Amino acid sequence: MTASAHIADVTQDSFETEVLARSRTVPVLVDFWAAWCGPCKMLMPLLAKLADEYGGKFFLAKVNTDTEQALASRYGIKSLPTVKLFRNGEAVDEFLGVQPEKTIRALLDRHVPRASDGLIEMARVELETGNPGKAQALLEEALSLDPGSDRVKLESARLALMLGQISDADKHLATLSIEARDSAEATALRAQMEFARIAAAARSADELRQAIAANPRDSGARYELAAKLVMQGEAAAALDTLLDIVRTDRKFNDDAARKAMISLFNLIGGNHPLVQEYRRKLSMALN
């Protein structure tokens, strides 16, 4: 492999600098390989070609697992080649085995800097300072500049949901690439969109609470209230409300409460303590 400023062989001693620290500036693609691995030799030239072609938008780090067994163990490498992408000191994406160039490009394009990234950051600042209209204009400019960017589409969908523009959010999500459609971020936004739809069509929170007080077994009112609570950021209260339906009226609307809890888990994020707590409670309610 020819020498390149965008590629380096990495060892245990240099991993902190070459991979973890560097990944806070640019994405770092780490190729775990071995000399005896035939598929590794097939993949190497393609990764090297992409590293040079992208011209520094990502860095390629190569780890020989025969000599760097501690690193291979640390990152759970069980088959070769395994390629992991690091960002901000963490492995955030990966693929196993030899993959087509198109697939590798798609993975890289989810993470490498794009011309529209600056506009996204500007839009976030405007939103934080209470200027959603300006934020929306910046994202429209970003989408015009970079119509293929899943990042812009996801950010636009998120803002549309915040503004109650559910159909617009749906349109943005519908145009995502195949790879991005199943991402954790897209899954969370789809869950949020479903709760937004239910909440928009629901009675007021006070009316719903009055209905539940009058009839504690009013599962429809509880379900609508849970959606309202989600949109107000009261996830724990929403999960409690949905769990009550699971416990008392499991068949309500074709098991809608359990399904809504799963959607809310996706919205909150699987590693969140609240999700771990309510997964246990849901499991107990179902058994």
C-alpha atoms as a PDB file:
ATOM      1  CA  MET A   1       0.000   0.000   0.000  1.00  0.00           C
ATOM      2  CA  THR A   2       1.433   3.392  -0.975  1.00  0.00           C
ATOM      3  CA  ALA A   3       2.283   5.908   1.718  1.00  0.00           C
ATOM      4  CA  SER A   4      -0.515   8.390   2.401  1.00  0.00           C
ATOM      5  CA  ALA A   5      -1.075  11.271   4.803  1.00  0.00           C
ATOM      6  CA  HIS A   6      -4.569   9.882   5.386  1.00  0.00           C
ATOM      7  CA  ILE A   7      -3.563   6.337   6.422  1.00  0.00           C
ATOM      8  CA  ALA A   8      -1.478   4.913   9.270  1.00  0.00           C
ATOM      9  CA  ASP A   9      -0.668   1.599  10.901  1.00  0.00           C
ATOM     10  CA  VAL A  10      -1.797   1.873  14.522  1.00  0.00           C
ATOM     11  CA  THR A  11      -0.604   0.038  17.617  1.00  0.00           C
ATOM     12  CA  GLN A  12      -1.714  -0.131  21.232  1.00  0.00           C
ATOM     13  CA  ASP A  13       0.679   2.730  22.023  1.00  0.00           C
ATOM     14  CA  SER A  14      -0.574   5.021  19.240  1.00  0.00           C
ATOM     15  CA  PHE A  15      -4.287   4.153  19.345  1.00  0.00           C
ATOM     16  CA  GLU A  16      -5.153   6.914  21.816  1.00  0.00           C
ATOM     17  CA  THR A  17      -3.598   9.591  19.616  1.00  0.00           C
ATOM     18  CA  GLU A  18      -4.203   8.256  16.122  1.00  0.00           C
ATOM     19  CA  VAL A  19      -7.767   7.034  16.673  1.00  0.00           C
ATOM     20  CA  LEU A  20      -9.497   8.287  19.817  1.00  0.00           C
ATOM     21  CA  ALA A  21      -8.084  11.811  19.927  1.00  0.00           C
ATOM     22  CA  ARG A  22      -8.104  12.255  16.149  1.00  0.00           C
ATOM     23  CA  SER A  23     -11.745  11.121  15.963  1.00  0.00           C
ATOM     24  CA  ARG A  24     -12.742  14.274  17.825  1.00  0.00           C
ATOM     25  CA  THR A  25     -11.667  16.217  14.751  1.00  0.00           C
ATOM     26  CA  VAL A  26     -12.475  13.882  11.843  1.00  0.00           C
ATOM     27  CA  PRO A  27     -14.068  10.424  11.540  1.00  0.00           C
ATOM     28  CA  VAL A  28     -11.513   7.614  11.869  1.00  0.00           C
ATOM     29  CA  LEU A  29     -12.107   4.323  10.070  1.00  0.00           C
ATOM     30  CA  VAL A  30     -10.275   1.480  11.834  1.00  0.00           C
ATOM     31  CA  ASP A  31      -9.530  -1.611   9.745  1.00  0.00           C
ATOM     32  CA  PHE A  32      -8.882  -4.653  11.965  1.00  0.00           C
ATOM     33  CA  TRP A  33      -6.982  -7.138   9.752  1.00  0.00           C
ATOM     34  CA  ALA A  34      -4.392  -9.923   9.717  1.00  0.00           C
ATOM     35  CA  ALA A  35      -1.775 -11.046   7.206  1.00  0.00           C
ATOM     36  CA  TRP A  36      -3.310 -14.534   6.862  1.00  0.00           C
ATOM     37  CA  CYS A  37      -6.776 -13.124   6.085  1.00  0.00           C
ATOM     38  CA  GLY A  38      -7.532 -13.276   2.348  1.00  0.00           C
ATOM     39  CA  PRO A  39     -10.618 -11.016   2.464  1.00  0.00           C
ATOM     40  CA  CYS A  40      -8.555  -8.445   4.393  1.00  0.00           C
ATOM     41  CA  LYS A  41      -6.150  -8.234   1.466  1.00  0.00           C
ATOM     42  CA  MET A  42      -9.092  -7.713  -0.897  1.00  0.00           C
ATOM     43  CA  LEU A  43     -10.503  -4.892   1.228  1.00  0.00           C
ATOM     44  CA  MET A  44      -7.255  -3.003   1.871  1.00  0.00           C
ATOM     45  CA  PRO A  45      -6.841  -1.425  -1.593  1.00  0.00           C
ATOM     46  CA  LEU A  46     -10.445  -0.204  -1.617  1.00  0.00           C
ATOM     47  CA  LEU A  47     -10.151   1.446   1.796  1.00  0.00           C
ATOM     48  CA  ALA A  48      -6.855   3.048   0.795  1.00  0.00           C
ATOM     49  CA  LYS A  49      -8.384   4.353  -2.423  1.00  0.00           C
ATOM     50  CA  LEU A  50     -11.307   5.896  -0.531  1.00  0.00           C
ATOM     51  CA  ALA A  51      -9.025   7.461   2.089  1.00  0.00           C
ATOM     52  CA  ASP A  52      -7.084   9.268  -0.622  1.00  0.00           C
ATOM     53  CA  GLU A  53     -10.167  10.110  -2.644  1.00  0.00           C
ATOM     54  CA  TYR A  54     -11.916  11.688   0.354  1.00  0.00           C
ATOM     55  CA  GLY A  55      -8.786  13.774   0.872  1.00  0.00           C
ATOM     56  CA  GLY A  56      -8.698  13.980   4.647  1.00  0.00           C
ATOM     57  CA  LYS A  57     -12.428  13.978   5.352  1.00  0.00           C
ATOM     58  CA  PHE A  58     -11.752  10.757   7.229  1.00  0.00           C
ATOM     59  CA  PHE A  59      -8.597   8.988   8.451  1.00  0.00           C
ATOM     60  CA  LEU A  60      -7.857   5.301   7.899  1.00  0.00           C
ATOM     61  CA  ALA A  61      -6.173   3.482  10.811  1.00  0.00           C
ATOM     62  CA  LYS A  62      -5.007  -0.091  10.263  1.00  0.00           C
ATOM     63  CA  VAL A  63      -4.714  -2.499  13.195  1.00  0.00           C
ATOM     64  CA  ASN A  64      -2.907  -5.804  12.677  1.00  0.00           C
ATOM     65  CA  THR A  65      -4.773  -8.111  15.066  1.00  0.00           C
ATOM     66  CA  ASP A  66      -1.934 -10.655  15.108  1.00  0.00           C
ATOM     67  CA  THR A  67       0.365  -8.168  16.793  1.00  0.00           C
ATOM     68  CA  GLU A  68      -2.292  -6.034  18.509  1.00  0.00           C
ATOM     69  CA  GLN A  69      -4.347  -8.700  20.235  1.00  0.00           C
ATOM     70  CA  ALA A  70      -5.175  -6.442  23.182  1.00  0.00           C
ATOM     71  CA  LEU A  71      -6.863  -3.927  20.863  1.00  0.00           C
ATOM     72  CA  ALA A  72      -8.742  -6.691  19.077  1.00  0.00           C
ATOM     73  CA  SER A  73      -9.987  -7.999  22.420  1.00  0.00           C
ATOM     74  CA  ARG A  74     -10.864  -4.527  23.674  1.00  0.00           C
ATOM     75  CA  TYR A  75     -13.191  -3.939  20.713  1.00  0.00           C
ATOM     76  CA  GLY A  76     -14.630  -7.429  20.553  1.00  0.00           C
ATOM     77  CA  ILE A  77     -13.181  -8.404  17.182  1.00  0.00           C
ATOM     78  CA  LYS A  78     -14.400 -11.924  16.398  1.00  0.00           C
ATOM     79  CA  SER A  79     -14.045 -12.053  12.602  1.00  0.00           C
ATOM     80  CA  LEU A  80     -11.839 -10.417   9.992  1.00  0.00           C
ATOM     81  CA  PRO A  81     -11.926  -8.011   8.440  1.00  0.00           C
ATOM     82  CA  THR A  82     -13.917  -5.887  10.877  1.00  0.00           C
ATOM     83  CA  VAL A  83     -14.046  -2.157  10.193  1.00  0.00           C
ATOM     84  CA  LYS A  84     -15.236   0.296  12.842  1.00  0.00           C
ATOM     85  CA  LEU A  85     -15.813   4.017  12.455  1.00  0.00           C
ATOM     86  CA  PHE A  86     -14.882   6.193  15.432  1.00  0.00           C
ATOM     87  CA  ARG A  87     -16.257   9.634  16.187  1.00  0.00           C
ATOM     88  CA  ASN A  88     -15.599  11.668  19.334  1.00  0.00           C
ATOM     89  CA  GLY A  89     -13.657   8.836  20.931  1.00  0.00           C
ATOM     90  CA  GLU A  90     -16.333   6.173  20.419  1.00  0.00           C
ATOM     91  CA  ALA A  91     -17.055   3.480  17.829  1.00  0.00           C
ATOM     92  CA  VAL A  92     -20.309   4.633  16.229  1.00  0.00           C
ATOM     93  CA  ASP A  93     -20.603   2.499  13.086  1.00  0.00           C
ATOM     94  CA  GLU A  94     -19.090  -0.642  11.574  1.00  0.00           C
ATOM     95  CA  PHE A  95     -19.199  -3.312   8.901  1.00  0.00           C
ATOM     96  CA  LEU A  96     -17.910  -6.889   8.736  1.00  0.00           C
ATOM     97  CA  GLY A  97     -16.260  -8.642   5.825  1.00  0.00           C
ATOM     98  CA  VAL A  98     -15.618  -7.327   2.336  1.00  0.00           C
ATOM     99  CA  GLN A  99     -18.364  -4.902   1.331  1.00  0.00           C
ATOM    100  CA  PRO A 100     -19.104  -3.207  -2.016  1.00  0.00           C
ATOM    101  CA  GLU A 101     -17.648   0.254  -2.500  1.00  0.00           C
ATOM    102  CA  LYS A 102     -21.171   1.725  -2.564  1.00  0.00           C
ATOM    103  CA  THR A 103     -21.899   0.350   0.918  1.00  0.00           C
ATOM    104  CA  ILE A 104     -18.654   1.694   2.359  1.00  0.00           C
ATOM    105  CA  ARG A 105     -19.249   5.105   0.801  1.00  0.00           C
ATOM    106  CA  ALA A 106     -22.727   5.189   2.336  1.00  0.00           C
ATOM    107  CA  LEU A 107     -21.264   4.487   5.781  1.00  0.00           C
ATOM    108  CA  LEU A 108     -18.610   7.183   5.361  1.00  0.00           C
ATOM    109  CA  ASP A 109     -21.093   9.737   4.058  1.00  0.00           C
ATOM    110  CA  ARG A 110     -23.146   9.352   7.216  1.00  0.00           C
ATOM    111  CA  HIS A 111     -20.200  10.713   9.197  1.00  0.00           C
ATOM    112  CA  VAL A 112     -17.764  12.764   7.112  1.00  0.00           C
ATOM    113  CA  PRO A 113     -18.064  16.577   7.159  1.00  0.00           C
ATOM    114  CA  ARG A 114     -20.341  18.051   4.489  1.00  0.00           C
ATOM    115  CA  ALA A 115     -20.797  21.556   3.137  1.00  0.00           C
ATOM    116  CA  SER A 116     -24.223  21.758   4.793  1.00  0.00           C
ATOM    117  CA  ASP A 117     -22.950  20.962   8.306  1.00  0.00           C
ATOM    118  CA  GLY A 118     -22.214  24.607   9.092  1.00  0.00           C
ATOM    119  CA  LEU A 119     -25.773  25.616   8.230  1.00  0.00           C
ATOM    120  CA  ILE A 120     -27.111  22.849  10.471  1.00  0.00           C
ATOM    121  CA  GLU A 121     -25.067  24.174  13.387  1.00  0.00           C
ATOM    122  CA  MET A 122     -26.263  27.712  12.693  1.00  0.00           C
ATOM    123  CA  ALA A 123     -29.868  26.456  12.648  1.00  0.00           C
ATOM    124  CA  ARG A 124     -29.373  24.774  16.028  1.00  0.00           C
ATOM    125  CA  VAL A 125     -28.026  28.006  17.500  1.00  0.00           C
ATOM    126  CA  GLU A 126     -31.025  29.948  16.168  1.00  0.00           C
ATOM    127  CA  LEU A 127     -33.374  27.358  17.645  1.00  0.00           C
ATOM    128  CA  GLU A 128     -31.652  27.518  21.039  1.00  0.00           C
ATOM    129  CA  THR A 129     -32.010  31.308  21.053  1.00  0.00           C
ATOM    130  CA  GLY A 130     -35.714  31.156  20.246  1.00  0.00           C
ATOM    131  CA  ASN A 131     -35.718  31.768  16.492  1.00  0.00           C
ATOM    132  CA  PRO A 132     -37.355  28.693  14.932  1.00  0.00           C
ATOM    133  CA  GLY A 133     -38.295  30.583  11.773  1.00  0.00           C
ATOM    134  CA  LYS A 134     -34.671  31.512  11.124  1.00  0.00           C
ATOM    135  CA  ALA A 135     -33.623  27.944  11.928  1.00  0.00           C
ATOM    136  CA  GLN A 136     -36.097  26.597   9.394  1.00  0.00           C
ATOM    137  CA  ALA A 137     -34.836  29.023   6.723  1.00  0.00           C
ATOM    138  CA  LEU A 138     -31.247  27.896   7.333  1.00  0.00           C
ATOM    139  CA  LEU A 139     -32.213  24.237   7.023  1.00  0.00           C
ATOM    140  CA  GLU A 140     -34.067  24.954   3.786  1.00  0.00           C
ATOM    141  CA  GLU A 141     -30.884  26.601   2.497  1.00  0.00           C
ATOM    142  CA  ALA A 142     -28.865  23.578   3.636  1.00  0.00           C
ATOM    143  CA  LEU A 143     -31.228  21.199   1.852  1.00  0.00           C
ATOM    144  CA  SER A 144     -30.983  23.258  -1.325  1.00  0.00           C
ATOM    145  CA  LEU A 145     -27.176  23.206  -1.087  1.00  0.00           C
ATOM    146  CA  ASP A 146     -26.961  19.512  -0.180  1.00  0.00           C
ATOM    147  CA  PRO A 147     -30.179  17.712  -1.216  1.00  0.00           C
ATOM    148  CA  GLY A 148     -28.677  14.270  -0.567  1.00  0.00           C
ATOM    149  CA  SER A 149     -27.750  14.929   3.064  1.00  0.00           C
ATOM    150  CA  ASP A 150     -29.543  12.671   5.518  1.00  0.00           C
ATOM    151  CA  ARG A 151     -28.324  14.926   8.327  1.00  0.00           C
ATOM    152  CA  VAL A 152     -30.205  17.899   6.912  1.00  0.00           C
ATOM    153  CA  LYS A 153     -33.324  15.807   6.384  1.00  0.00           C
ATOM    154  CA  LEU A 154     -33.239  14.455   9.942  1.00  0.00           C
ATOM    155  CA  GLU A 155     -32.669  17.913  11.410  1.00  0.00           C
ATOM    156  CA  SER A 156     -35.473  19.323   9.245  1.00  0.00           C
ATOM    157  CA  ALA A 157     -37.823  16.547  10.385  1.00  0.00           C
ATOM    158  CA  ARG A 158     -36.934  17.214  14.023  1.00  0.00           C
ATOM    159  CA  LEU A 159     -37.634  20.933  13.680  1.00  0.00           C
ATOM    160  CA  ALA A 160     -40.886  20.323  11.814  1.00  0.00           C
ATOM    161  CA  LEU A 161     -42.075  18.127  14.670  1.00  0.00           C
ATOM    162  CA  MET A 162     -41.165  20.821  17.201  1.00  0.00           C
ATOM    163  CA  LEU A 163     -43.270  23.276  15.202  1.00  0.00           C
ATOM    164  CA  GLY A 164     -46.194  20.843  14.955  1.00  0.00           C
ATOM    165  CA  GLN A 165     -45.720  20.390  11.211  1.00  0.00           C
ATOM    166  CA  ILE A 166     -46.251  16.631  11.236  1.00  0.00           C
ATOM    167  CA  SER A 167     -46.823  16.179   7.500  1.00  0.00           C
ATOM    168  CA  ASP A 168     -43.622  18.084   6.704  1.00  0.00           C
ATOM    169  CA  ALA A 169     -41.685  15.912   9.151  1.00  0.00           C
ATOM    170  CA  ASP A 170     -43.125  12.828   7.468  1.00  0.00           C
ATOM    171  CA  LYS A 171     -41.994  14.087   4.048  1.00  0.00           C
ATOM    172  CA  HIS A 172     -38.431  14.652   5.246  1.00  0.00           C
ATOM    173  CA  LEU A 173     -38.225  11.174   6.785  1.00  0.00           C
ATOM    174  CA  ALA A 174     -39.656   9.601   3.627  1.00  0.00           C
ATOM    175  CA  THR A 175     -36.751  10.958   1.560  1.00  0.00           C
ATOM    176  CA  LEU A 176     -33.992   9.475   3.745  1.00  0.00           C
ATOM    177  CA  SER A 177     -31.534   7.061   2.175  1.00  0.00           C
ATOM    178  CA  ILE A 178     -32.145   3.356   2.716  1.00  0.00           C
ATOM    179  CA  GLU A 179     -29.227   3.236   5.172  1.00  0.00           C
ATOM    180  CA  ALA A 180     -30.528   6.153   7.247  1.00  0.00           C
ATOM    181  CA  ARG A 181     -34.138   5.005   7.447  1.00  0.00           C
ATOM    182  CA  ASP A 182     -33.321   2.350  10.040  1.00  0.00           C
ATOM    183  CA  SER A 183     -30.926   4.506  12.061  1.00  0.00           C
ATOM    184  CA  ALA A 184     -31.624   5.066  15.752  1.00  0.00           C
ATOM    185  CA  GLU A 185     -32.237   8.755  15.067  1.00  0.00           C
ATOM    186  CA  ALA A 186     -34.808   8.105  12.333  1.00  0.00           C
ATOM    187  CA  THR A 187     -36.532   5.441  14.431  1.00  0.00           C
ATOM    188  CA  ALA A 188     -36.800   7.876  17.345  1.00  0.00           C
ATOM    189  CA  LEU A 189     -38.230  10.606  15.118  1.00  0.00           C
ATOM    190  CA  ARG A 190     -40.844   8.256  13.671  1.00  0.00           C
ATOM    191  CA  ALA A 191     -41.868   7.327  17.201  1.00  0.00           C
ATOM    192  CA  GLN A 192     -42.103  10.996  18.165  1.00  0.00           C
ATOM    193  CA  MET A 193     -44.161  11.685  15.049  1.00  0.00           C
ATOM    194  CA  GLU A 194     -46.677   8.995  15.977  1.00  0.00           C
ATOM    195  CA  PHE A 195     -47.086  10.443  19.465  1.00  0.00           C
ATOM    196  CA  ALA A 196     -47.447  13.911  17.933  1.00  0.00           C
ATOM    197  CA  ARG A 197     -50.271  12.680  15.687  1.00  0.00           C
ATOM    198  CA  ILE A 198     -52.143  11.151  18.617  1.00  0.00           C
ATOM    199  CA  ALA A 199     -51.601  14.218  20.809  1.00  0.00           C
ATOM    200  CA  ALA A 200     -52.761  16.618  18.076  1.00  0.00           C
ATOM    201  CA  ALA A 201     -56.084  14.793  17.715  1.00  0.00           C
ATOM    202  CA  ALA A 202     -56.608  14.275  21.469  1.00  0.00           C
ATOM    203  CA  ARG A 203     -58.719  16.197  23.939  1.00  0.00           C
ATOM    204  CA  SER A 204     -57.021  18.599  26.325  1.00  0.00           C
ATOM    205  CA  ALA A 205     -55.001  17.101  29.170  1.00  0.00           C
ATOM    206  CA  ASP A 206     -57.520  18.409  31.729  1.00  0.00           C
ATOM    207  CA  GLU A 207     -60.425  16.807  29.849  1.00  0.00           C
ATOM    208  CA  LEU A 208     -58.558  13.525  29.638  1.00  0.00           C
ATOM    209  CA  ARG A 209     -57.764  13.502  33.359  1.00  0.00           C
ATOM    210  CA  GLN A 210     -61.426  14.228  34.140  1.00  0.00           C
ATOM    211  CA  ALA A 211     -62.471  11.329  31.905  1.00  0.00           C
ATOM    212  CA  ILE A 212     -60.056   8.984  33.682  1.00  0.00           C
ATOM    213  CA  ALA A 213     -61.246  10.153  37.095  1.00  0.00           C
ATOM    214  CA  ALA A 214     -64.825   9.432  36.054  1.00  0.00           C
ATOM    215  CA  ASN A 215     -63.895   6.056  34.581  1.00  0.00           C
ATOM    216  CA  PRO A 216     -60.471   4.657  35.593  1.00  0.00           C
ATOM    217  CA  ARG A 217     -60.831   1.952  32.941  1.00  0.00           C
ATOM    218  CA  ASP A 218     -61.111   4.473  30.097  1.00  0.00           C
ATOM    219  CA  SER A 219     -58.110   3.157  28.147  1.00  0.00           C
ATOM    220  CA  GLY A 220     -58.693   5.529  25.246  1.00  0.00           C
ATOM    221  CA  ALA A 221     -58.337   8.556  27.502  1.00  0.00           C
ATOM    222  CA  ARG A 222     -55.232   7.086  29.139  1.00  0.00           C
ATOM    223  CA  TYR A 223     -53.689   6.408  25.730  1.00  0.00           C
ATOM    224  CA  GLU A 224     -54.312   9.966  24.538  1.00  0.00           C
ATOM    225  CA  LEU A 225     -52.985  11.374  27.803  1.00  0.00           C
ATOM    226  CA  ALA A 226     -49.795   9.344  27.441  1.00  0.00           C
ATOM    227  CA  ALA A 227     -49.205  10.928  24.020  1.00  0.00           C
ATOM    228  CA  LYS A 228     -49.757  14.383  25.519  1.00  0.00           C
ATOM    229  CA  LEU A 229     -47.260  13.600  28.267  1.00  0.00           C
ATOM    230  CA  VAL A 230     -44.658  12.444  25.741  1.00  0.00           C
ATOM    231  CA  MET A 231     -44.958  15.711  23.823  1.00  0.00           C
ATOM    232  CA  GLN A 232     -44.581  17.632  27.101  1.00  0.00           C
ATOM    233  CA  GLY A 233     -41.350  15.781  27.854  1.00  0.00           C
ATOM    234  CA  GLU A 234     -42.842  13.791  30.756  1.00  0.00           C
ATOM    235  CA  ALA A 235     -41.598  10.381  29.642  1.00  0.00           C
ATOM    236  CA  ALA A 236     -41.842   8.638  33.019  1.00  0.00           C
ATOM    237  CA  ALA A 237     -45.450   9.722  33.507  1.00  0.00           C
ATOM    238  CA  ALA A 238     -46.272   8.618  29.954  1.00  0.00           C
ATOM    239  CA  LEU A 239     -44.714   5.194  30.553  1.00  0.00           C
ATOM    240  CA  ASP A 240     -46.652   4.794  33.813  1.00  0.00           C
ATOM    241  CA  THR A 241     -49.875   5.664  31.999  1.00  0.00           C
ATOM    242  CA  LEU A 242     -49.215   3.186  29.194  1.00  0.00           C
ATOM    243  CA  LEU A 243     -48.181   0.507  31.673  1.00  0.00           C
ATOM    244  CA  ASP A 244     -51.522   0.904  33.453  1.00  0.00           C
ATOM    245  CA  ILE A 245     -53.264   0.072  30.167  1.00  0.00           C
ATOM    246  CA  VAL A 246     -51.040  -2.977  29.615  1.00  0.00           C
ATOM    247  CA  ARG A 247     -51.886  -4.241  33.104  1.00  0.00           C
ATOM    248  CA  THR A 248     -55.648  -3.637  32.953  1.00  0.00           C
ATOM    249  CA  ASP A 249     -56.627  -3.714  29.273  1.00  0.00           C
ATOM    250  CA  ARG A 250     -53.971  -5.569  27.309  1.00  0.00           C
ATOM    251  CA  LYS A 251     -56.185  -5.990  24.229  1.00  0.00           C
ATOM    252  CA  PHE A 252     -56.930  -2.276  23.929  1.00  0.00           C
ATOM    253  CA  ASN A 253     -56.633  -1.176  20.306  1.00  0.00           C
ATOM    254  CA  ASP A 254     -54.671  -4.290  19.267  1.00  0.00           C
ATOM    255  CA  ASP A 255     -52.077  -4.087  22.050  1.00  0.00           C
ATOM    256  CA  ALA A 256     -51.480  -0.394  21.337  1.00  0.00           C
ATOM    257  CA  ALA A 257     -50.168   0.461  24.809  1.00  0.00           C
ATOM    258  CA  ARG A 258     -47.363  -2.105  24.702  1.00  0.00           C
ATOM    259  CA  LYS A 259     -46.432  -1.012  21.181  1.00  0.00           C
ATOM    260  CA  ALA A 260     -46.431   2.620  22.305  1.00  0.00           C
ATOM    261  CA  MET A 261     -44.092   1.778  25.180  1.00  0.00           C
ATOM    262  CA  ILE A 262     -41.658   0.176  22.704  1.00  0.00           C
ATOM    263  CA  SER A 263     -41.866   3.299  20.538  1.00  0.00           C
ATOM    264  CA  LEU A 264     -41.175   5.466  23.563  1.00  0.00           C
ATOM    265  CA  PHE A 265     -38.154   3.294  24.437  1.00  0.00           C
ATOM    266  CA  ASN A 266     -36.839   4.004  20.927  1.00  0.00           C
ATOM    267  CA  LEU A 267     -37.484   7.707  21.395  1.00  0.00           C
ATOM    268  CA  ILE A 268     -35.689   7.908  24.741  1.00  0.00           C
ATOM    269  CA  GLY A 269     -32.799   5.635  23.756  1.00  0.00           C
ATOM    270  CA  GLY A 270     -32.129   2.032  24.730  1.00  0.00           C
ATOM    271  CA  ASN A 271     -29.365   2.775  27.250  1.00  0.00           C
ATOM    272  CA  HIS A 272     -31.337   5.337  29.233  1.00  0.00           C
ATOM    273  CA  PRO A 273     -31.991   4.250  32.859  1.00  0.00           C
ATOM    274  CA  LEU A 274     -35.692   4.989  32.401  1.00  0.00           C
ATOM    275  CA  VAL A 275     -35.874   2.524  29.515  1.00  0.00           C
ATOM    276  CA  GLN A 276     -34.099  -0.182  31.494  1.00  0.00           C
ATOM    277  CA  GLU A 277     -36.465   0.348  34.449  1.00  0.00           C
ATOM    278  CA  TYR A 278     -39.643   0.220  32.376  1.00  0.00           C
ATOM    279  CA  ARG A 279     -38.497  -2.708  30.263  1.00  0.00           C
ATOM    280  CA  ARG A 280     -38.387  -4.686  33.511  1.00  0.00           C
ATOM    281  CA  LYS A 281     -41.810  -3.406  34.562  1.00  0.00           C
ATOM    282  CA  LEU A 282     -43.281  -4.217  31.152  1.00  0.00           C
ATOM    283  CA  SER A 283     -41.813  -7.725  31.251  1.00  0.00           C
ATOM    284  CA  MET A 284     -43.369  -8.300  34.682  1.00  0.00           C
ATOM    285  CA  ALA A 285     -46.744  -7.009  33.476  1.00  0.00           C
ATOM    286  CA  LEU A 286     -46.716  -9.356  30.487  1.00  0.00           C
ATOM    287  CA  ASN A 287     -45.784 -12.477  32.498  1.00  0.00           C
END
